[in-house]
Amino acid sequence: MQDFTWSPKEKQIARTVFESAAVAEEQELLERLKTQAAAMKNMEDLWALQNVIRDSERKYQEKYDYRYSQLIAVFGGLVREGRVSIGALHGLSEEKMKYIERIASL
């Protein structure tokens, strides 16, 4: 992947889109975990929930990497998942958008 330079405007767009997607996913995860916790009946359920939490944290940390060197891949993945629309990234350079769209189409 190419080493991109991010203008101040692009950095602002990236931060806004990134934070919005991260907060939305955090809320979904919290709701899912609350539901699972409420349904616990025994210690086996507790250990299973603990594993879900650990796995969810790992996946979240891998997905939401706000290093500029990683953002193109992050946004490509989020677009592919439907968590971010291409339109939300309007204002990023044409070159960045092409890379994001290419990654999203994989």
C-alpha atoms as a PDB file:
ATOM      1  CA  MET A   1       0.000   0.000   0.000  1.00  0.00           C
ATOM      2  CA  GLN A   2       1.086   3.497  -0.733  1.00  0.00           C
ATOM      3  CA  ASP A   3       2.124   5.961   1.964  1.00  0.00           C
ATOM      4  CA  PHE A   4      -0.506   8.705   1.782  1.00  0.00           C
ATOM      5  CA  THR A   5      -0.319  12.256   3.026  1.00  0.00           C
ATOM      6  CA  TRP A   6      -3.435  13.438   4.821  1.00  0.00           C
ATOM      7  CA  SER A   7      -4.502  17.069   4.620  1.00  0.00           C
ATOM      8  CA  PRO A   8      -6.057  18.697   7.698  1.00  0.00           C
ATOM      9  CA  LYS A   9      -9.503  18.500   6.027  1.00  0.00           C
ATOM     10  CA  GLU A  10      -9.011  14.799   5.249  1.00  0.00           C
ATOM     11  CA  LYS A  11      -7.891  14.142   8.808  1.00  0.00           C
ATOM     12  CA  GLN A  12     -11.068  15.787  10.090  1.00  0.00           C
ATOM     13  CA  ILE A  13     -13.257  13.714   7.738  1.00  0.00           C
ATOM     14  CA  ALA A  14     -11.402  10.528   8.667  1.00  0.00           C
ATOM     15  CA  ARG A  15     -11.721  11.168  12.403  1.00  0.00           C
ATOM     16  CA  THR A  16     -15.444  11.921  12.160  1.00  0.00           C
ATOM     17  CA  VAL A  17     -16.216   8.828  10.063  1.00  0.00           C
ATOM     18  CA  PHE A  18     -13.954   6.601  12.165  1.00  0.00           C
ATOM     19  CA  GLU A  19     -15.457   7.734  15.479  1.00  0.00           C
ATOM     20  CA  SER A  20     -19.004   7.399  14.186  1.00  0.00           C
ATOM     21  CA  ALA A  21     -18.429   3.815  13.022  1.00  0.00           C
ATOM     22  CA  ALA A  22     -16.580   2.869  16.218  1.00  0.00           C
ATOM     23  CA  VAL A  23     -19.272   4.280  18.518  1.00  0.00           C
ATOM     24  CA  ALA A  24     -22.039   2.546  16.552  1.00  0.00           C
ATOM     25  CA  GLU A  25     -20.245  -0.787  16.750  1.00  0.00           C
ATOM     26  CA  GLU A  26     -19.538  -0.296  20.457  1.00  0.00           C
ATOM     27  CA  GLN A  27     -23.254   0.262  21.107  1.00  0.00           C
ATOM     28  CA  GLU A  28     -24.201  -2.852  19.125  1.00  0.00           C
ATOM     29  CA  LEU A  29     -21.655  -4.897  21.036  1.00  0.00           C
ATOM     30  CA  LEU A  30     -22.826  -3.587  24.407  1.00  0.00           C
ATOM     31  CA  GLU A  31     -26.442  -4.426  23.612  1.00  0.00           C
ATOM     32  CA  ARG A  32     -25.510  -7.925  22.466  1.00  0.00           C
ATOM     33  CA  LEU A  33     -23.435  -8.526  25.597  1.00  0.00           C
ATOM     34  CA  LYS A  34     -26.188  -7.215  27.882  1.00  0.00           C
ATOM     35  CA  THR A  35     -28.632  -9.618  26.260  1.00  0.00           C
ATOM     36  CA  GLN A  36     -26.241 -12.533  26.684  1.00  0.00           C
ATOM     37  CA  ALA A  37     -25.503 -11.574  30.293  1.00  0.00           C
ATOM     38  CA  ALA A  38     -29.203 -11.373  31.118  1.00  0.00           C
ATOM     39  CA  ALA A  39     -29.711 -14.869  29.719  1.00  0.00           C
ATOM     40  CA  MET A  40     -26.987 -16.490  31.843  1.00  0.00           C
ATOM     41  CA  LYS A  41     -28.162 -19.448  33.875  1.00  0.00           C
ATOM     42  CA  ASN A  42     -24.948 -20.999  35.178  1.00  0.00           C
ATOM     43  CA  MET A  43     -21.179 -20.648  35.403  1.00  0.00           C
ATOM     44  CA  GLU A  44     -20.714 -22.238  31.979  1.00  0.00           C
ATOM     45  CA  ASP A  45     -22.659 -19.328  30.523  1.00  0.00           C
ATOM     46  CA  LEU A  46     -20.432 -16.893  32.400  1.00  0.00           C
ATOM     47  CA  TRP A  47     -17.243 -18.460  31.025  1.00  0.00           C
ATOM     48  CA  ALA A  48     -18.725 -18.457  27.540  1.00  0.00           C
ATOM     49  CA  LEU A  49     -19.587 -14.772  27.882  1.00  0.00           C
ATOM     50  CA  GLN A  50     -16.065 -14.053  29.066  1.00  0.00           C
ATOM     51  CA  ASN A  51     -14.727 -15.709  25.905  1.00  0.00           C
ATOM     52  CA  VAL A  52     -17.094 -13.677  23.754  1.00  0.00           C
ATOM     53  CA  ILE A  53     -15.924 -10.473  25.435  1.00  0.00           C
ATOM     54  CA  ARG A  54     -12.261 -11.345  24.965  1.00  0.00           C
ATOM     55  CA  ASP A  55     -12.780 -12.282  21.302  1.00  0.00           C
ATOM     56  CA  SER A  56     -14.871  -9.171  20.672  1.00  0.00           C
ATOM     57  CA  GLU A  57     -12.213  -6.931  22.185  1.00  0.00           C
ATOM     58  CA  ARG A  58      -9.498  -8.483  20.026  1.00  0.00           C
ATOM     59  CA  LYS A  59     -11.530  -8.068  16.846  1.00  0.00           C
ATOM     60  CA  TYR A  60     -12.499  -4.509  17.746  1.00  0.00           C
ATOM     61  CA  GLN A  61      -8.897  -3.503  18.451  1.00  0.00           C
ATOM     62  CA  GLU A  62      -7.740  -5.026  15.159  1.00  0.00           C
ATOM     63  CA  LYS A  63     -10.498  -3.353  13.160  1.00  0.00           C
ATOM     64  CA  TYR A  64     -10.379   0.145  14.644  1.00  0.00           C
ATOM     65  CA  ASP A  65      -6.737   1.104  14.122  1.00  0.00           C
ATOM     66  CA  TYR A  66      -6.517   4.883  13.764  1.00  0.00           C
ATOM     67  CA  ARG A  67      -3.039   5.118  12.356  1.00  0.00           C
ATOM     68  CA  TYR A  68      -2.956   7.072   9.124  1.00  0.00           C
ATOM     69  CA  SER A  69      -0.913   4.269   7.567  1.00  0.00           C
ATOM     70  CA  GLN A  70      -3.846   1.905   8.262  1.00  0.00           C
ATOM     71  CA  LEU A  71      -6.901   4.081   7.616  1.00  0.00           C
ATOM     72  CA  ILE A  72      -7.308   3.206   3.935  1.00  0.00           C
ATOM     73  CA  ALA A  73      -7.562  -0.486   4.836  1.00  0.00           C
ATOM     74  CA  VAL A  74      -9.759   0.280   7.854  1.00  0.00           C
ATOM     75  CA  PHE A  75     -12.202   2.307   5.759  1.00  0.00           C
ATOM     76  CA  GLY A  76     -12.166  -0.315   2.990  1.00  0.00           C
ATOM     77  CA  GLY A  77     -13.169  -2.954   5.517  1.00  0.00           C
ATOM     78  CA  LEU A  78     -15.837  -0.763   7.087  1.00  0.00           C
ATOM     79  CA  VAL A  79     -17.335   0.023   3.669  1.00  0.00           C
ATOM     80  CA  ARG A  80     -17.321  -3.708   2.799  1.00  0.00           C
ATOM     81  CA  GLU A  81     -19.164  -4.464   6.077  1.00  0.00           C
ATOM     82  CA  GLY A  82     -21.696  -1.714   5.421  1.00  0.00           C
ATOM     83  CA  ARG A  83     -20.646   0.234   8.518  1.00  0.00           C
ATOM     84  CA  VAL A  84     -19.478   3.222   6.461  1.00  0.00           C
ATOM     85  CA  SER A  85     -20.833   4.495   3.161  1.00  0.00           C
ATOM     86  CA  ILE A  86     -18.562   5.711   0.392  1.00  0.00           C
ATOM     87  CA  GLY A  87     -20.482   8.997   0.525  1.00  0.00           C
ATOM     88  CA  ALA A  88     -19.428   9.541   4.143  1.00  0.00           C
ATOM     89  CA  LEU A  89     -15.827   9.642   2.955  1.00  0.00           C
ATOM     90  CA  HIS A  90     -16.511  12.409   0.436  1.00  0.00           C
ATOM     91  CA  GLY A  91     -13.696  14.913   0.649  1.00  0.00           C
ATOM     92  CA  LEU A  92     -10.865  12.393   0.722  1.00  0.00           C
ATOM     93  CA  SER A  93      -8.583  12.494  -2.299  1.00  0.00           C
ATOM     94  CA  GLU A  94      -9.579  10.616  -5.425  1.00  0.00           C
ATOM     95  CA  GLU A  95      -6.556   8.367  -5.015  1.00  0.00           C
ATOM     96  CA  LYS A  96      -7.507   7.419  -1.453  1.00  0.00           C
ATOM     97  CA  MET A  97     -11.087   6.763  -2.536  1.00  0.00           C
ATOM     98  CA  LYS A  98      -9.910   4.415  -5.309  1.00  0.00           C
ATOM     99  CA  TYR A  99      -7.891   2.382  -2.820  1.00  0.00           C
ATOM    100  CA  ILE A 100     -10.765   2.276  -0.346  1.00  0.00           C
ATOM    101  CA  GLU A 101     -13.198   1.152  -3.047  1.00  0.00           C
ATOM    102  CA  ARG A 102     -10.743  -1.506  -4.248  1.00  0.00           C
ATOM    103  CA  ILE A 103     -10.355  -2.899  -0.729  1.00  0.00           C
ATOM    104  CA  ALA A 104     -14.112  -2.757  -0.150  1.00  0.00           C
ATOM    105  CA  SER A 105     -14.741  -4.811  -3.272  1.00  0.00           C
ATOM    106  CA  LEU A 106     -12.496  -7.712  -2.159  1.00  0.00           C
END
